Amino acid sequence: MISTAIAIQTATKDAVHDESVMDMARAIFHMRDTMTTDEFAEAMFLYSAHLSAMTATLVTHAILTES
């Protein structure tokens, strides 16, 4: 059980630090002052959806492959 919990924690960390997720966060941060409110909201929604999907994928993989 401990190894599975550690694998889930690692998978979550890996999702947050994934290059594509970080690129999206970086782009939103640097372009935030040039975006309209609607564009910013859409960018944040897309970022959140991407991060959630990445986290779910990596956690599922960790759970299914952990012995």
PDB file of N, CA and C in Angstrom:
ATOM      1  N   MET A   1       0.817  -1.192   0.000  1.00  0.00           N
ATOM      2  CA  MET A   1       0.000   0.000   0.000  1.00  0.00           C
ATOM      3  C   MET A   1       0.863   1.259   0.000  1.00  0.00           C
ATOM      4  N   ILE A   2       1.934   1.243   0.752  1.00  0.00           N
ATOM      5  CA  ILE A   2       2.823   2.408   0.810  1.00  0.00           C
ATOM      6  C   ILE A   2       3.449   2.657  -0.560  1.00  0.00           C
ATOM      7  N   SER A   3       3.852   1.598  -1.235  1.00  0.00           N
ATOM      8  CA  SER A   3       4.477   1.775  -2.546  1.00  0.00           C
ATOM      9  C   SER A   3       3.477   2.336  -3.556  1.00  0.00           C
ATOM     10  N   THR A   4       2.213   1.946  -3.447  1.00  0.00           N
ATOM     11  CA  THR A   4       1.195   2.487  -4.337  1.00  0.00           C
ATOM     12  C   THR A   4       0.959   3.962  -4.052  1.00  0.00           C
ATOM     13  N   ALA A   5       0.920   4.328  -2.781  1.00  0.00           N
ATOM     14  CA  ALA A   5       0.742   5.739  -2.414  1.00  0.00           C
ATOM     15  C   ALA A   5       1.904   6.584  -2.924  1.00  0.00           C
ATOM     16  N   ILE A   6       3.107   6.060  -2.807  1.00  0.00           N
ATOM     17  CA  ILE A   6       4.282   6.784  -3.303  1.00  0.00           C
ATOM     18  C   ILE A   6       4.234   6.886  -4.823  1.00  0.00           C
ATOM     19  N   ALA A   7       3.779   5.830  -5.479  1.00  0.00           N
ATOM     20  CA  ALA A   7       3.662   5.858  -6.944  1.00  0.00           C
ATOM     21  C   ALA A   7       2.628   6.891  -7.387  1.00  0.00           C
ATOM     22  N   ILE A   8       1.520   7.000  -6.666  1.00  0.00           N
ATOM     23  CA  ILE A   8       0.497   8.008  -6.976  1.00  0.00           C
ATOM     24  C   ILE A   8       1.054   9.409  -6.761  1.00  0.00           C
ATOM     25  N   GLN A   9       1.770   9.607  -5.666  1.00  0.00           N
ATOM     26  CA  GLN A   9       2.385  10.903  -5.388  1.00  0.00           C
ATOM     27  C   GLN A   9       3.387  11.272  -6.483  1.00  0.00           C
ATOM     28  N   THR A  10       4.188  10.338  -6.890  1.00  0.00           N
ATOM     29  CA  THR A  10       5.177  10.578  -7.947  1.00  0.00           C
ATOM     30  C   THR A  10       4.491  10.872  -9.275  1.00  0.00           C
ATOM     31  N   ALA A  11       3.438  10.134  -9.588  1.00  0.00           N
ATOM     32  CA  ALA A  11       2.708  10.364 -10.834  1.00  0.00           C
ATOM     33  C   ALA A  11       2.092  11.761 -10.861  1.00  0.00           C
ATOM     34  N   THR A  12       1.554  12.199  -9.740  1.00  0.00           N
ATOM     35  CA  THR A  12       0.980  13.538  -9.649  1.00  0.00           C
ATOM     36  C   THR A  12       2.055  14.593  -9.842  1.00  0.00           C
ATOM     37  N   LYS A  13       3.198  14.410  -9.198  1.00  0.00           N
ATOM     38  CA  LYS A  13       4.313  15.344  -9.359  1.00  0.00           C
ATOM     39  C   LYS A  13       4.782  15.376 -10.802  1.00  0.00           C
ATOM     40  N   ASP A  14       4.881  14.216 -11.418  1.00  0.00           N
ATOM     41  CA  ASP A  14       5.318  14.144 -12.814  1.00  0.00           C
ATOM     42  C   ASP A  14       4.335  14.850 -13.747  1.00  0.00           C
ATOM     43  N   ALA A  15       3.039  14.750 -13.459  1.00  0.00           N
ATOM     44  CA  ALA A  15       2.034  15.426 -14.286  1.00  0.00           C
ATOM     45  C   ALA A  15       2.182  16.942 -14.178  1.00  0.00           C
ATOM     46  N   VAL A  16       2.357  17.431 -12.966  1.00  0.00           N
ATOM     47  CA  VAL A  16       2.496  18.874 -12.761  1.00  0.00           C
ATOM     48  C   VAL A  16       3.755  19.394 -13.439  1.00  0.00           C
ATOM     49  N   HIS A  17       4.819  18.612 -13.425  1.00  0.00           N
ATOM     50  CA  HIS A  17       6.093  19.048 -13.989  1.00  0.00           C
ATOM     51  C   HIS A  17       6.308  18.575 -15.435  1.00  0.00           C
ATOM     52  N   ASP A  18       5.276  18.018 -16.050  1.00  0.00           N
ATOM     53  CA  ASP A  18       5.373  17.587 -17.445  1.00  0.00           C
ATOM     54  C   ASP A  18       5.675  18.796 -18.336  1.00  0.00           C
ATOM     55  N   GLU A  19       6.492  18.576 -19.344  1.00  0.00           N
ATOM     56  CA  GLU A  19       6.924  19.677 -20.212  1.00  0.00           C
ATOM     57  C   GLU A  19       5.747  20.383 -20.893  1.00  0.00           C
ATOM     58  N   SER A  20       4.774  19.621 -21.376  1.00  0.00           N
ATOM     59  CA  SER A  20       3.642  20.245 -22.064  1.00  0.00           C
ATOM     60  C   SER A  20       2.779  21.054 -21.098  1.00  0.00           C
ATOM     61  N   VAL A  21       2.608  20.555 -19.881  1.00  0.00           N
ATOM     62  CA  VAL A  21       1.835  21.283 -18.866  1.00  0.00           C
ATOM     63  C   VAL A  21       2.571  22.561 -18.473  1.00  0.00           C
ATOM     64  N   MET A  22       3.866  22.458 -18.271  1.00  0.00           N
ATOM     65  CA  MET A  22       4.662  23.633 -17.914  1.00  0.00           C
ATOM     66  C   MET A  22       4.669  24.663 -19.043  1.00  0.00           C
ATOM     67  N   ASP A  23       4.727  24.209 -20.289  1.00  0.00           N
ATOM     68  CA  ASP A  23       4.685  25.127 -21.428  1.00  0.00           C
ATOM     69  C   ASP A  23       3.369  25.898 -21.466  1.00  0.00           C
ATOM     70  N   MET A  24       2.272  25.209 -21.187  1.00  0.00           N
ATOM     71  CA  MET A  24       0.978  25.892 -21.161  1.00  0.00           C
ATOM     72  C   MET A  24       0.931  26.927 -20.049  1.00  0.00           C
ATOM     73  N   ALA A  25       1.404  26.564 -18.867  1.00  0.00           N
ATOM     74  CA  ALA A  25       1.418  27.498 -17.743  1.00  0.00           C
ATOM     75  C   ALA A  25       2.301  28.707 -18.047  1.00  0.00           C
ATOM     76  N   ARG A  26       3.442  28.442 -18.648  1.00  0.00           N
ATOM     77  CA  ARG A  26       4.371  29.514 -19.002  1.00  0.00           C
ATOM     78  C   ARG A  26       3.734  30.477 -20.016  1.00  0.00           C
ATOM     79  N   ALA A  27       3.079  29.919 -21.019  1.00  0.00           N
ATOM     80  CA  ALA A  27       2.438  30.750 -22.041  1.00  0.00           C
ATOM     81  C   ALA A  27       1.323  31.607 -21.439  1.00  0.00           C
ATOM     82  N   ILE A  28       0.514  31.009 -20.582  1.00  0.00           N
ATOM     83  CA  ILE A  28      -0.563  31.770 -19.929  1.00  0.00           C
ATOM     84  C   ILE A  28       0.027  32.881 -19.071  1.00  0.00           C
ATOM     85  N   PHE A  29       1.071  32.576 -18.326  1.00  0.00           N
ATOM     86  CA  PHE A  29       1.692  33.569 -17.456  1.00  0.00           C
ATOM     87  C   PHE A  29       2.235  34.747 -18.266  1.00  0.00           C
ATOM     88  N   HIS A  30       2.925  34.458 -19.354  1.00  0.00           N
ATOM     89  CA  HIS A  30       3.554  35.524 -20.134  1.00  0.00           C
ATOM     90  C   HIS A  30       2.556  36.310 -20.980  1.00  0.00           C
ATOM     91  N   MET A  31       1.437  35.707 -21.331  1.00  0.00           N
ATOM     92  CA  MET A  31       0.471  36.378 -22.199  1.00  0.00           C
ATOM     93  C   MET A  31      -0.748  36.897 -21.449  1.00  0.00           C
ATOM     94  N   ARG A  32      -0.768  36.763 -20.129  1.00  0.00           N
ATOM     95  CA  ARG A  32      -1.959  37.092 -19.355  1.00  0.00           C
ATOM     96  C   ARG A  32      -2.402  38.543 -19.509  1.00  0.00           C
ATOM     97  N   ASP A  33      -1.449  39.477 -19.676  1.00  0.00           N
ATOM     98  CA  ASP A  33      -1.808  40.889 -19.770  1.00  0.00           C
ATOM     99  C   ASP A  33      -2.344  41.269 -21.150  1.00  0.00           C
ATOM    100  N   THR A  34      -2.114  40.415 -22.142  1.00  0.00           N
ATOM    101  CA  THR A  34      -2.580  40.717 -23.499  1.00  0.00           C
ATOM    102  C   THR A  34      -3.878  39.995 -23.834  1.00  0.00           C
ATOM    103  N   MET A  35      -4.341  39.133 -22.947  1.00  0.00           N
ATOM    104  CA  MET A  35      -5.562  38.360 -23.197  1.00  0.00           C
ATOM    105  C   MET A  35      -6.784  39.102 -22.678  1.00  0.00           C
ATOM    106  N   THR A  36      -7.897  38.885 -23.377  1.00  0.00           N
ATOM    107  CA  THR A  36      -9.162  39.366 -22.839  1.00  0.00           C
ATOM    108  C   THR A  36      -9.551  38.441 -21.683  1.00  0.00           C
ATOM    109  N   THR A  37     -10.550  38.836 -20.958  1.00  0.00           N
ATOM    110  CA  THR A  37     -11.019  38.007 -19.850  1.00  0.00           C
ATOM    111  C   THR A  37     -11.491  36.641 -20.354  1.00  0.00           C
ATOM    112  N   ASP A  38     -12.191  36.634 -21.474  1.00  0.00           N
ATOM    113  CA  ASP A  38     -12.680  35.368 -22.038  1.00  0.00           C
ATOM    114  C   ASP A  38     -11.531  34.491 -22.527  1.00  0.00           C
ATOM    115  N   GLU A  39     -10.533  35.095 -23.166  1.00  0.00           N
ATOM    116  CA  GLU A  39      -9.374  34.332 -23.631  1.00  0.00           C
ATOM    117  C   GLU A  39      -8.603  33.738 -22.456  1.00  0.00           C
ATOM    118  N   PHE A  40      -8.456  34.522 -21.392  1.00  0.00           N
ATOM    119  CA  PHE A  40      -7.758  34.041 -20.204  1.00  0.00           C
ATOM    120  C   PHE A  40      -8.526  32.890 -19.554  1.00  0.00           C
ATOM    121  N   ALA A  41      -9.837  33.048 -19.454  1.00  0.00           N
ATOM    122  CA  ALA A  41     -10.666  31.987 -18.861  1.00  0.00           C
ATOM    123  C   ALA A  41     -10.574  30.709 -19.682  1.00  0.00           C
ATOM    124  N   GLU A  42     -10.600  30.842 -21.011  1.00  0.00           N
ATOM    125  CA  GLU A  42     -10.483  29.673 -21.875  1.00  0.00           C
ATOM    126  C   GLU A  42      -9.109  29.013 -21.723  1.00  0.00           C
ATOM    127  N   ALA A  43      -8.059  29.826 -21.669  1.00  0.00           N
ATOM    128  CA  ALA A  43      -6.705  29.286 -21.508  1.00  0.00           C
ATOM    129  C   ALA A  43      -6.572  28.552 -20.174  1.00  0.00           C
ATOM    130  N   MET A  44      -7.131  29.120 -19.116  1.00  0.00           N
ATOM    131  CA  MET A  44      -7.063  28.463 -17.809  1.00  0.00           C
ATOM    132  C   MET A  44      -7.863  27.165 -17.805  1.00  0.00           C
ATOM    133  N   PHE A  45      -9.008  27.157 -18.478  1.00  0.00           N
ATOM    134  CA  PHE A  45      -9.812  25.945 -18.572  1.00  0.00           C
ATOM    135  C   PHE A  45      -9.041  24.857 -19.317  1.00  0.00           C
ATOM    136  N   LEU A  46      -8.433  25.223 -20.445  1.00  0.00           N
ATOM    137  CA  LEU A  46      -7.661  24.252 -21.221  1.00  0.00           C
ATOM    138  C   LEU A  46      -6.466  23.723 -20.426  1.00  0.00           C
ATOM    139  N   TYR A  47      -5.799  24.613 -19.704  1.00  0.00           N
ATOM    140  CA  TYR A  47      -4.678  24.203 -18.855  1.00  0.00           C
ATOM    141  C   TYR A  47      -5.157  23.222 -17.784  1.00  0.00           C
ATOM    142  N   SER A  48      -6.246  23.560 -17.139  1.00  0.00           N
ATOM    143  CA  SER A  48      -6.785  22.705 -16.086  1.00  0.00           C
ATOM    144  C   SER A  48      -7.192  21.340 -16.628  1.00  0.00           C
ATOM    145  N   ALA A  49      -7.846  21.344 -17.776  1.00  0.00           N
ATOM    146  CA  ALA A  49      -8.263  20.073 -18.390  1.00  0.00           C
ATOM    147  C   ALA A  49      -7.050  19.233 -18.780  1.00  0.00           C
ATOM    148  N   HIS A  50      -6.036  19.877 -19.333  1.00  0.00           N
ATOM    149  CA  HIS A  50      -4.825  19.150 -19.729  1.00  0.00           C
ATOM    150  C   HIS A  50      -4.119  18.563 -18.506  1.00  0.00           C
ATOM    151  N   LEU A  51      -3.987  19.359 -17.455  1.00  0.00           N
ATOM    152  CA  LEU A  51      -3.336  18.882 -16.233  1.00  0.00           C
ATOM    153  C   LEU A  51      -4.133  17.738 -15.604  1.00  0.00           C
ATOM    154  N   SER A  52      -5.445  17.862 -15.584  1.00  0.00           N
ATOM    155  CA  SER A  52      -6.287  16.796 -15.017  1.00  0.00           C
ATOM    156  C   SER A  52      -6.155  15.498 -15.807  1.00  0.00           C
ATOM    157  N   ALA A  53      -6.169  15.622 -17.121  1.00  0.00           N
ATOM    158  CA  ALA A  53      -6.041  14.435 -17.969  1.00  0.00           C
ATOM    159  C   ALA A  53      -4.670  13.785 -17.794  1.00  0.00           C
ATOM    160  N   MET A  54      -3.640  14.603 -17.735  1.00  0.00           N
ATOM    161  CA  MET A  54      -2.284  14.075 -17.558  1.00  0.00           C
ATOM    162  C   MET A  54      -2.173  13.374 -16.200  1.00  0.00           C
ATOM    163  N   THR A  55      -2.715  13.997 -15.167  1.00  0.00           N
ATOM    164  CA  THR A  55      -2.667  13.399 -13.831  1.00  0.00           C
ATOM    165  C   THR A  55      -3.426  12.071 -13.805  1.00  0.00           C
ATOM    166  N   ALA A  56      -4.617  12.061 -14.371  1.00  0.00           N
ATOM    167  CA  ALA A  56      -5.413  10.828 -14.388  1.00  0.00           C
ATOM    168  C   ALA A  56      -4.696   9.721 -15.147  1.00  0.00           C
ATOM    169  N   THR A  57      -4.093  10.061 -16.261  1.00  0.00           N
ATOM    170  CA  THR A  57      -3.374   9.066 -17.057  1.00  0.00           C
ATOM    171  C   THR A  57      -2.199   8.475 -16.281  1.00  0.00           C
ATOM    172  N   LEU A  58      -1.385   9.339 -15.691  1.00  0.00           N
ATOM    173  CA  LEU A  58      -0.193   8.861 -14.983  1.00  0.00           C
ATOM    174  C   LEU A  58      -0.550   8.119 -13.697  1.00  0.00           C
ATOM    175  N   VAL A  59      -1.570   8.577 -12.988  1.00  0.00           N
ATOM    176  CA  VAL A  59      -1.986   7.878 -11.762  1.00  0.00           C
ATOM    177  C   VAL A  59      -2.576   6.514 -12.117  1.00  0.00           C
ATOM    178  N   THR A  60      -3.392   6.459 -13.150  1.00  0.00           N
ATOM    179  CA  THR A  60      -3.946   5.166 -13.583  1.00  0.00           C
ATOM    180  C   THR A  60      -2.843   4.210 -13.954  1.00  0.00           C
ATOM    181  N   HIS A  61      -1.877   4.692 -14.698  1.00  0.00           N
ATOM    182  CA  HIS A  61      -0.738   3.850 -15.079  1.00  0.00           C
ATOM    183  C   HIS A  61       0.014   3.364 -13.831  1.00  0.00           C
ATOM    184  N   ALA A  62       0.222   4.261 -12.880  1.00  0.00           N
ATOM    185  CA  ALA A  62       0.937   3.885 -11.654  1.00  0.00           C
ATOM    186  C   ALA A  62       0.163   2.825 -10.860  1.00  0.00           C
ATOM    187  N   ILE A  63      -1.131   2.971 -10.794  1.00  0.00           N
ATOM    188  CA  ILE A  63      -1.946   2.009 -10.029  1.00  0.00           C
ATOM    189  C   ILE A  63      -1.981   0.648 -10.722  1.00  0.00           C
ATOM    190  N   LEU A  64      -2.115   0.669 -12.034  1.00  0.00           N
ATOM    191  CA  LEU A  64      -2.229  -0.592 -12.761  1.00  0.00           C
ATOM    192  C   LEU A  64      -0.900  -1.339 -12.896  1.00  0.00           C
ATOM    193  N   THR A  65       0.200  -0.623 -12.777  1.00  0.00           N
ATOM    194  CA  THR A  65       1.503  -1.282 -12.925  1.00  0.00           C
ATOM    195  C   THR A  65       2.201  -1.516 -11.596  1.00  0.00           C
ATOM    196  N   GLU A  66       1.641  -0.996 -10.518  1.00  0.00           N
ATOM    197  CA  GLU A  66       2.263  -1.180  -9.195  1.00  0.00           C
ATOM    198  C   GLU A  66       1.943  -2.570  -8.668  1.00  0.00           C
ATOM    199  N   SER A  67       2.971  -3.256  -8.150  1.00  0.00           N
ATOM    200  CA  SER A  67       2.735  -4.617  -7.648  1.00  0.00           C
ATOM    201  C   SER A  67       2.691  -4.680  -6.152  1.00  0.00           C
TER     202      SER A  67
END
